[in-house]
Amino acid sequence: MKDQLASLRQATERLDQIEAAGRKHPGAFFSFFMDSPVPAWIKSTSGKMVLSNRAYERTYGIAPEEYINHIDADNWQEVEAEGFGDLDRQAAETNALALGVEHLFNKQANRPEALFVAKWPTAWDGDGKVIKVGGIVLMTVVEPPGPADEC
């Protein structure tokens, strides 16, 4: 538990660094984003993936061409994709940072995982409406098998 809390603290500090870098130097933000050691992504509010970083590709085994301009349901189970969308909408509708837990089955690691994620608005239209939401995994916890998995 101590290691997980240290991981969460480190990830939260990284999120602060990402926000600061993006405000000061948009070009540097791209490099920082792509090289971040934790999965990160940007999606349109219509649900299409705009950008994912190298850690996302490594962690989940999904190549950019399989994800960019696709919706979550193209690569994840429907219930997982719906959960991802809930937090995206919260960040867009409140125009603020949204923190939550999302669940997925990581095919690359062959295990169910619970992800503590942060999502926040990254782009707005001319009327100030959020049009893109960024996300980053702050902590991953391997979920124990459920009763059906133990049989």
N, C-alpha and C. Protein backbone atom coordinates (compact mmCIF):
# COMPACT_ATOMS: atom_id res chain seq x y z
N MET A 1 0.82 -1.19 0.00
CA MET A 1 0.00 0.00 0.00
C MET A 1 0.87 1.26 0.00
N LYS A 2 1.97 1.21 0.74
CA LYS A 2 2.88 2.35 0.80
C LYS A 2 3.43 2.66 -0.58
N ASP A 3 3.79 1.62 -1.35
CA ASP A 3 4.30 1.81 -2.70
C ASP A 3 3.24 2.41 -3.61
N GLN A 4 1.98 1.96 -3.45
CA GLN A 4 0.90 2.49 -4.27
C GLN A 4 0.66 3.97 -3.98
N LEU A 5 0.72 4.36 -2.71
CA LEU A 5 0.54 5.76 -2.36
C LEU A 5 1.68 6.62 -2.90
N ALA A 6 2.89 6.09 -2.84
CA ALA A 6 4.04 6.82 -3.40
C ALA A 6 3.87 6.96 -4.90
N SER A 7 3.37 5.92 -5.55
CA SER A 7 3.11 5.95 -7.00
C SER A 7 2.06 7.00 -7.32
N LEU A 8 1.01 7.04 -6.54
CA LEU A 8 -0.06 8.01 -6.76
C LEU A 8 0.46 9.43 -6.56
N ARG A 9 1.26 9.64 -5.54
CA ARG A 9 1.84 10.96 -5.28
C ARG A 9 2.72 11.38 -6.46
N GLN A 10 3.53 10.45 -6.96
CA GLN A 10 4.42 10.73 -8.09
C GLN A 10 3.59 11.04 -9.35
N ALA A 11 2.54 10.29 -9.58
CA ALA A 11 1.69 10.53 -10.75
C ALA A 11 0.99 11.87 -10.66
N THR A 12 0.54 12.25 -9.48
CA THR A 12 -0.12 13.55 -9.31
C THR A 12 0.87 14.68 -9.58
N GLU A 13 2.10 14.52 -9.13
CA GLU A 13 3.13 15.51 -9.41
C GLU A 13 3.38 15.60 -10.91
N ARG A 14 3.37 14.45 -11.59
CA ARG A 14 3.57 14.42 -13.04
C ARG A 14 2.43 15.15 -13.74
N LEU A 15 1.20 14.97 -13.27
CA LEU A 15 0.06 15.67 -13.85
C LEU A 15 0.24 17.18 -13.73
N ASP A 16 0.70 17.64 -12.59
CA ASP A 16 0.98 19.07 -12.41
C ASP A 16 2.05 19.54 -13.40
N GLN A 17 3.07 18.72 -13.61
CA GLN A 17 4.13 19.06 -14.56
C GLN A 17 3.59 19.14 -15.98
N ILE A 18 2.71 18.22 -16.33
CA ILE A 18 2.12 18.21 -17.67
C ILE A 18 1.33 19.50 -17.91
N GLU A 19 0.50 19.86 -16.94
CA GLU A 19 -0.31 21.08 -17.09
C GLU A 19 0.58 22.31 -17.22
N ALA A 20 1.61 22.41 -16.40
CA ALA A 20 2.51 23.56 -16.44
C ALA A 20 3.26 23.61 -17.77
N ALA A 21 3.75 22.48 -18.24
CA ALA A 21 4.49 22.42 -19.51
C ALA A 21 3.59 22.82 -20.68
N GLY A 22 2.36 22.35 -20.66
CA GLY A 22 1.43 22.67 -21.74
C GLY A 22 1.13 24.15 -21.81
N ARG A 23 1.02 24.80 -20.68
CA ARG A 23 0.73 26.24 -20.65
C ARG A 23 1.94 27.06 -21.12
N LYS A 24 3.14 26.68 -20.67
CA LYS A 24 4.33 27.47 -20.98
C LYS A 24 4.86 27.23 -22.40
N HIS A 25 4.92 25.97 -22.80
CA HIS A 25 5.56 25.61 -24.06
C HIS A 25 4.77 24.50 -24.76
N PRO A 26 3.81 24.88 -25.59
CA PRO A 26 2.99 23.84 -26.24
C PRO A 26 3.82 22.80 -27.01
N GLY A 27 4.92 23.21 -27.65
CA GLY A 27 5.76 22.26 -28.38
C GLY A 27 6.43 21.26 -27.45
N ALA A 28 6.88 21.76 -26.30
CA ALA A 28 7.53 20.90 -25.32
C ALA A 28 6.52 19.94 -24.72
N PHE A 29 5.26 20.39 -24.63
CA PHE A 29 4.21 19.53 -24.08
C PHE A 29 4.11 18.24 -24.88
N PHE A 30 4.19 18.34 -26.22
CA PHE A 30 4.06 17.14 -27.05
C PHE A 30 5.15 16.13 -26.71
N SER A 31 6.39 16.58 -26.60
CA SER A 31 7.50 15.67 -26.26
C SER A 31 7.30 15.07 -24.88
N PHE A 32 6.93 15.91 -23.92
CA PHE A 32 6.70 15.44 -22.55
C PHE A 32 5.58 14.41 -22.54
N PHE A 33 4.50 14.70 -23.25
CA PHE A 33 3.35 13.81 -23.33
C PHE A 33 3.75 12.46 -23.91
N MET A 34 4.44 12.48 -25.05
CA MET A 34 4.80 11.24 -25.72
C MET A 34 5.76 10.38 -24.91
N ASP A 35 6.65 11.03 -24.15
CA ASP A 35 7.67 10.30 -23.40
C ASP A 35 7.28 10.00 -21.96
N SER A 36 6.09 10.41 -21.54
CA SER A 36 5.64 10.13 -20.17
C SER A 36 5.67 8.62 -19.93
N PRO A 37 6.12 8.18 -18.75
CA PRO A 37 6.20 6.74 -18.48
C PRO A 37 4.84 6.08 -18.18
N VAL A 38 3.80 6.88 -18.07
CA VAL A 38 2.47 6.32 -17.80
C VAL A 38 1.55 6.58 -18.98
N PRO A 39 0.58 5.68 -19.21
CA PRO A 39 -0.34 5.87 -20.33
C PRO A 39 -1.07 7.22 -20.25
N ALA A 40 -1.12 7.91 -21.39
CA ALA A 40 -1.83 9.18 -21.49
C ALA A 40 -2.44 9.27 -22.89
N TRP A 41 -3.51 10.06 -23.01
CA TRP A 41 -4.22 10.16 -24.28
C TRP A 41 -5.02 11.44 -24.33
N ILE A 42 -5.45 11.78 -25.55
CA ILE A 42 -6.36 12.90 -25.76
C ILE A 42 -7.45 12.41 -26.70
N LYS A 43 -8.70 12.68 -26.31
CA LYS A 43 -9.85 12.28 -27.12
C LYS A 43 -10.72 13.50 -27.41
N SER A 44 -11.44 13.43 -28.53
CA SER A 44 -12.44 14.45 -28.80
C SER A 44 -13.65 14.15 -27.92
N THR A 45 -14.50 15.15 -27.72
CA THR A 45 -15.68 14.91 -26.90
C THR A 45 -16.69 14.04 -27.64
N SER A 46 -16.48 13.81 -28.93
CA SER A 46 -17.33 12.85 -29.66
C SER A 46 -16.86 11.42 -29.41
N GLY A 47 -15.76 11.27 -28.66
CA GLY A 47 -15.29 9.95 -28.27
C GLY A 47 -14.17 9.37 -29.11
N LYS A 48 -13.70 10.09 -30.13
CA LYS A 48 -12.61 9.57 -30.97
C LYS A 48 -11.25 9.91 -30.37
N MET A 49 -10.37 8.92 -30.38
CA MET A 49 -9.01 9.11 -29.90
C MET A 49 -8.26 10.01 -30.87
N VAL A 50 -7.63 11.05 -30.33
CA VAL A 50 -6.87 12.00 -31.13
C VAL A 50 -5.38 11.68 -31.05
N LEU A 51 -4.92 11.30 -29.85
CA LEU A 51 -3.50 11.07 -29.63
C LEU A 51 -3.32 10.15 -28.43
N SER A 52 -2.38 9.23 -28.52
CA SER A 52 -2.00 8.43 -27.35
C SER A 52 -0.48 8.40 -27.31
N ASN A 53 0.07 8.20 -26.12
CA ASN A 53 1.52 8.23 -26.00
C ASN A 53 2.12 6.82 -26.12
N ARG A 54 3.43 6.78 -26.10
CA ARG A 54 4.14 5.50 -26.26
C ARG A 54 3.82 4.53 -25.12
N ALA A 55 3.68 5.04 -23.91
CA ALA A 55 3.36 4.17 -22.77
C ALA A 55 1.98 3.53 -22.95
N TYR A 56 1.05 4.26 -23.52
CA TYR A 56 -0.29 3.70 -23.79
C TYR A 56 -0.16 2.52 -24.76
N GLU A 57 0.59 2.74 -25.81
CA GLU A 57 0.79 1.70 -26.83
C GLU A 57 1.49 0.48 -26.23
N ARG A 58 2.53 0.71 -25.42
CA ARG A 58 3.28 -0.39 -24.79
C ARG A 58 2.42 -1.15 -23.79
N THR A 59 1.70 -0.41 -22.95
CA THR A 59 0.93 -1.01 -21.87
C THR A 59 -0.24 -1.84 -22.36
N TYR A 60 -0.94 -1.32 -23.37
CA TYR A 60 -2.16 -1.99 -23.82
C TYR A 60 -2.00 -2.73 -25.15
N GLY A 61 -0.83 -2.61 -25.79
CA GLY A 61 -0.58 -3.34 -27.02
C GLY A 61 -1.47 -2.92 -28.17
N ILE A 62 -1.87 -1.66 -28.18
CA ILE A 62 -2.72 -1.15 -29.25
C ILE A 62 -1.93 -0.13 -30.06
N ALA A 63 -1.70 -0.44 -31.33
CA ALA A 63 -0.94 0.45 -32.20
C ALA A 63 -1.77 1.69 -32.52
N PRO A 64 -1.10 2.82 -32.78
CA PRO A 64 -1.83 4.06 -33.06
C PRO A 64 -2.86 3.92 -34.18
N GLU A 65 -2.52 3.20 -35.23
CA GLU A 65 -3.47 3.07 -36.35
C GLU A 65 -4.73 2.29 -35.96
N GLU A 66 -4.65 1.52 -34.88
CA GLU A 66 -5.83 0.80 -34.39
C GLU A 66 -6.68 1.66 -33.47
N TYR A 67 -6.12 2.78 -33.01
CA TYR A 67 -6.82 3.58 -32.02
C TYR A 67 -7.14 5.00 -32.49
N ILE A 68 -6.19 5.65 -33.12
CA ILE A 68 -6.40 7.04 -33.54
C ILE A 68 -7.59 7.10 -34.50
N ASN A 69 -8.51 8.04 -34.25
CA ASN A 69 -9.75 8.22 -35.00
C ASN A 69 -10.75 7.08 -34.80
N HIS A 70 -10.53 6.28 -33.79
CA HIS A 70 -11.48 5.22 -33.41
C HIS A 70 -12.09 5.59 -32.06
N ILE A 71 -13.24 4.99 -31.77
CA ILE A 71 -13.86 5.18 -30.46
C ILE A 71 -13.43 4.05 -29.54
N ASP A 72 -13.61 4.24 -28.24
CA ASP A 72 -13.19 3.23 -27.26
C ASP A 72 -13.79 1.85 -27.54
N ALA A 73 -15.04 1.81 -27.96
CA ALA A 73 -15.71 0.52 -28.19
C ALA A 73 -15.07 -0.28 -29.31
N ASP A 74 -14.24 0.35 -30.14
CA ASP A 74 -13.54 -0.39 -31.20
C ASP A 74 -12.42 -1.26 -30.62
N ASN A 75 -11.93 -0.94 -29.42
CA ASN A 75 -10.80 -1.67 -28.84
C ASN A 75 -11.06 -2.25 -27.46
N TRP A 76 -12.14 -1.85 -26.82
CA TRP A 76 -12.42 -2.30 -25.46
C TRP A 76 -13.83 -2.87 -25.40
N GLN A 77 -14.11 -3.66 -24.37
CA GLN A 77 -15.45 -4.19 -24.18
C GLN A 77 -16.42 -3.03 -23.98
N GLU A 78 -17.67 -3.24 -24.37
CA GLU A 78 -18.67 -2.16 -24.33
C GLU A 78 -18.81 -1.53 -22.95
N VAL A 79 -18.86 -2.37 -21.91
CA VAL A 79 -19.03 -1.84 -20.55
C VAL A 79 -17.81 -0.99 -20.15
N GLU A 80 -16.62 -1.40 -20.59
CA GLU A 80 -15.42 -0.62 -20.30
C GLU A 80 -15.47 0.72 -21.02
N ALA A 81 -15.82 0.68 -22.30
CA ALA A 81 -15.89 1.90 -23.11
C ALA A 81 -16.90 2.89 -22.54
N GLU A 82 -18.03 2.38 -22.08
CA GLU A 82 -19.04 3.27 -21.48
C GLU A 82 -18.49 3.95 -20.23
N GLY A 83 -17.75 3.20 -19.41
CA GLY A 83 -17.15 3.77 -18.21
C GLY A 83 -16.14 4.85 -18.54
N PHE A 84 -15.34 4.64 -19.59
CA PHE A 84 -14.37 5.65 -20.01
C PHE A 84 -15.11 6.93 -20.39
N GLY A 85 -16.20 6.78 -21.13
CA GLY A 85 -16.98 7.93 -21.60
C GLY A 85 -17.60 8.73 -20.47
N ASP A 86 -18.01 8.04 -19.39
CA ASP A 86 -18.62 8.74 -18.25
C ASP A 86 -17.68 9.80 -17.68
N LEU A 87 -16.44 9.43 -17.46
CA LEU A 87 -15.48 10.39 -16.88
C LEU A 87 -15.09 11.46 -17.89
N ASP A 88 -15.02 11.09 -19.18
CA ASP A 88 -14.76 12.09 -20.23
C ASP A 88 -15.83 13.17 -20.19
N ARG A 89 -17.10 12.74 -20.14
CA ARG A 89 -18.22 13.69 -20.12
C ARG A 89 -18.17 14.57 -18.87
N GLN A 90 -17.81 13.98 -17.73
CA GLN A 90 -17.72 14.76 -16.50
C GLN A 90 -16.69 15.89 -16.65
N ALA A 91 -15.52 15.57 -17.19
CA ALA A 91 -14.48 16.59 -17.38
C ALA A 91 -14.96 17.66 -18.36
N ALA A 92 -15.62 17.25 -19.44
CA ALA A 92 -16.08 18.21 -20.45
C ALA A 92 -17.21 19.08 -19.92
N GLU A 93 -18.18 18.47 -19.24
CA GLU A 93 -19.35 19.21 -18.76
C GLU A 93 -19.01 20.18 -17.63
N THR A 94 -18.07 19.80 -16.78
CA THR A 94 -17.70 20.68 -15.66
C THR A 94 -16.56 21.62 -16.04
N ASN A 95 -15.93 21.35 -17.20
CA ASN A 95 -14.78 22.13 -17.66
C ASN A 95 -13.70 22.16 -16.57
N ALA A 96 -13.49 20.99 -15.95
CA ALA A 96 -12.55 20.89 -14.83
C ALA A 96 -11.95 19.49 -14.76
N LEU A 97 -10.93 19.36 -13.96
CA LEU A 97 -10.30 18.07 -13.71
C LEU A 97 -11.31 17.10 -13.12
N ALA A 98 -11.34 15.89 -13.65
CA ALA A 98 -12.20 14.84 -13.12
C ALA A 98 -11.32 13.65 -12.76
N LEU A 99 -11.48 13.15 -11.55
CA LEU A 99 -10.73 11.99 -11.08
C LEU A 99 -11.69 10.83 -10.89
N GLY A 100 -11.26 9.63 -11.22
CA GLY A 100 -12.13 8.49 -11.03
C GLY A 100 -11.41 7.18 -11.24
N VAL A 101 -12.15 6.10 -11.07
CA VAL A 101 -11.62 4.76 -11.28
C VAL A 101 -12.30 4.17 -12.50
N GLU A 102 -11.51 3.62 -13.40
CA GLU A 102 -12.02 2.94 -14.58
C GLU A 102 -11.51 1.51 -14.55
N HIS A 103 -12.30 0.61 -15.12
CA HIS A 103 -11.96 -0.81 -15.11
C HIS A 103 -11.79 -1.29 -16.54
N LEU A 104 -10.80 -2.16 -16.74
CA LEU A 104 -10.60 -2.75 -18.06
C LEU A 104 -9.92 -4.10 -17.92
N PHE A 105 -10.00 -4.87 -18.99
CA PHE A 105 -9.23 -6.10 -19.06
C PHE A 105 -8.05 -5.80 -19.96
N ASN A 106 -6.86 -5.79 -19.40
CA ASN A 106 -5.65 -5.49 -20.14
C ASN A 106 -5.23 -6.75 -20.89
N LYS A 107 -5.49 -6.78 -22.19
CA LYS A 107 -5.18 -7.96 -23.02
C LYS A 107 -3.68 -8.21 -23.09
N GLN A 108 -2.91 -7.13 -23.09
CA GLN A 108 -1.45 -7.25 -23.16
C GLN A 108 -0.91 -7.98 -21.93
N ALA A 109 -1.43 -7.65 -20.75
CA ALA A 109 -0.98 -8.27 -19.50
C ALA A 109 -1.85 -9.47 -19.11
N ASN A 110 -2.97 -9.66 -19.84
CA ASN A 110 -3.90 -10.76 -19.59
C ASN A 110 -4.45 -10.75 -18.16
N ARG A 111 -4.98 -9.56 -17.76
CA ARG A 111 -5.52 -9.45 -16.41
C ARG A 111 -6.50 -8.28 -16.32
N PRO A 112 -7.45 -8.38 -15.37
CA PRO A 112 -8.33 -7.24 -15.13
C PRO A 112 -7.61 -6.20 -14.28
N GLU A 113 -7.84 -4.92 -14.60
CA GLU A 113 -7.17 -3.85 -13.87
C GLU A 113 -8.17 -2.75 -13.51
N ALA A 114 -7.91 -2.12 -12.39
CA ALA A 114 -8.62 -0.90 -12.00
C ALA A 114 -7.61 0.23 -12.14
N LEU A 115 -8.01 1.27 -12.85
CA LEU A 115 -7.12 2.40 -13.11
C LEU A 115 -7.65 3.64 -12.41
N PHE A 116 -6.81 4.29 -11.63
CA PHE A 116 -7.16 5.58 -11.08
C PHE A 116 -6.69 6.58 -12.12
N VAL A 117 -7.62 7.31 -12.72
CA VAL A 117 -7.29 8.19 -13.83
C VAL A 117 -7.69 9.64 -13.54
N ALA A 118 -7.01 10.53 -14.23
CA ALA A 118 -7.36 11.95 -14.21
C ALA A 118 -7.69 12.34 -15.64
N LYS A 119 -8.76 13.11 -15.80
CA LYS A 119 -9.14 13.62 -17.12
C LYS A 119 -9.44 15.10 -16.99
N TRP A 120 -9.09 15.85 -18.01
CA TRP A 120 -9.25 17.30 -17.95
C TRP A 120 -9.43 17.85 -19.36
N PRO A 121 -10.09 19.02 -19.47
CA PRO A 121 -10.25 19.65 -20.78
C PRO A 121 -8.91 20.08 -21.35
N THR A 122 -8.71 19.87 -22.67
CA THR A 122 -7.45 20.26 -23.31
C THR A 122 -7.66 21.22 -24.48
N ALA A 123 -8.88 21.33 -24.99
CA ALA A 123 -9.14 22.25 -26.12
C ALA A 123 -10.59 22.70 -26.08
N TRP A 124 -10.81 23.92 -26.56
CA TRP A 124 -12.14 24.52 -26.54
C TRP A 124 -12.45 25.10 -27.91
N ASP A 125 -13.74 25.17 -28.26
CA ASP A 125 -14.12 25.83 -29.52
C ASP A 125 -14.23 27.34 -29.28
N GLY A 126 -14.64 28.09 -30.31
CA GLY A 126 -14.73 29.54 -30.22
C GLY A 126 -15.73 30.03 -29.19
N ASP A 127 -16.69 29.17 -28.83
CA ASP A 127 -17.70 29.54 -27.83
C ASP A 127 -17.32 29.11 -26.42
N GLY A 128 -16.12 28.56 -26.28
CA GLY A 128 -15.67 28.13 -24.96
C GLY A 128 -16.13 26.74 -24.57
N LYS A 129 -16.73 26.01 -25.51
CA LYS A 129 -17.17 24.64 -25.23
C LYS A 129 -15.98 23.68 -25.36
N VAL A 130 -15.86 22.77 -24.40
CA VAL A 130 -14.77 21.78 -24.42
C VAL A 130 -14.94 20.87 -25.64
N ILE A 131 -13.86 20.71 -26.42
CA ILE A 131 -13.93 19.82 -27.58
C ILE A 131 -12.93 18.66 -27.50
N LYS A 132 -11.98 18.73 -26.57
CA LYS A 132 -11.03 17.63 -26.37
C LYS A 132 -10.76 17.45 -24.88
N VAL A 133 -10.59 16.18 -24.49
CA VAL A 133 -10.32 15.83 -23.10
C VAL A 133 -9.06 14.98 -23.06
N GLY A 134 -8.14 15.33 -22.16
CA GLY A 134 -6.93 14.55 -21.97
C GLY A 134 -7.11 13.62 -20.79
N GLY A 135 -6.36 12.53 -20.79
CA GLY A 135 -6.42 11.59 -19.68
C GLY A 135 -5.05 11.01 -19.40
N ILE A 136 -4.86 10.61 -18.16
CA ILE A 136 -3.60 9.99 -17.75
C ILE A 136 -3.89 8.98 -16.64
N VAL A 137 -3.20 7.86 -16.69
CA VAL A 137 -3.33 6.85 -15.64
C VAL A 137 -2.43 7.25 -14.49
N LEU A 138 -3.03 7.44 -13.32
CA LEU A 138 -2.25 7.82 -12.13
C LEU A 138 -1.77 6.59 -11.36
N MET A 139 -2.58 5.54 -11.38
CA MET A 139 -2.21 4.32 -10.65
C MET A 139 -3.00 3.15 -11.23
N THR A 140 -2.36 2.00 -11.34
CA THR A 140 -3.01 0.77 -11.81
C THR A 140 -2.97 -0.26 -10.70
N VAL A 141 -4.11 -0.88 -10.46
CA VAL A 141 -4.20 -1.95 -9.47
C VAL A 141 -4.75 -3.18 -10.17
N VAL A 142 -4.07 -4.31 -10.01
CA VAL A 142 -4.56 -5.56 -10.57
C VAL A 142 -5.75 -6.00 -9.74
N GLU A 143 -6.86 -6.24 -10.41
CA GLU A 143 -8.06 -6.64 -9.69
C GLU A 143 -8.04 -8.14 -9.42
N PRO A 144 -8.49 -8.55 -8.23
CA PRO A 144 -8.54 -9.98 -7.93
C PRO A 144 -9.62 -10.64 -8.79
N PRO A 145 -9.48 -11.92 -9.06
CA PRO A 145 -10.51 -12.61 -9.85
C PRO A 145 -11.84 -12.60 -9.09
N GLY A 146 -12.92 -12.46 -9.84
CA GLY A 146 -14.25 -12.50 -9.25
C GLY A 146 -14.69 -13.93 -9.00
N PRO A 147 -15.83 -14.15 -8.36
CA PRO A 147 -16.30 -15.50 -8.07
C PRO A 147 -16.44 -16.37 -9.31
N ALA A 148 -16.87 -15.78 -10.42
CA ALA A 148 -17.04 -16.56 -11.65
C ALA A 148 -15.69 -17.00 -12.20
N ASP A 149 -14.64 -16.20 -11.97
CA ASP A 149 -13.31 -16.51 -12.47
C ASP A 149 -12.63 -17.63 -11.67
N GLU A 150 -13.10 -17.86 -10.46
CA GLU A 150 -12.46 -18.83 -9.59
C GLU A 150 -12.95 -20.27 -9.81
N CYS A 151 -14.03 -20.43 -10.53
CA CYS A 151 -14.60 -21.76 -10.76
C CYS A 151 -13.79 -22.54 -11.75
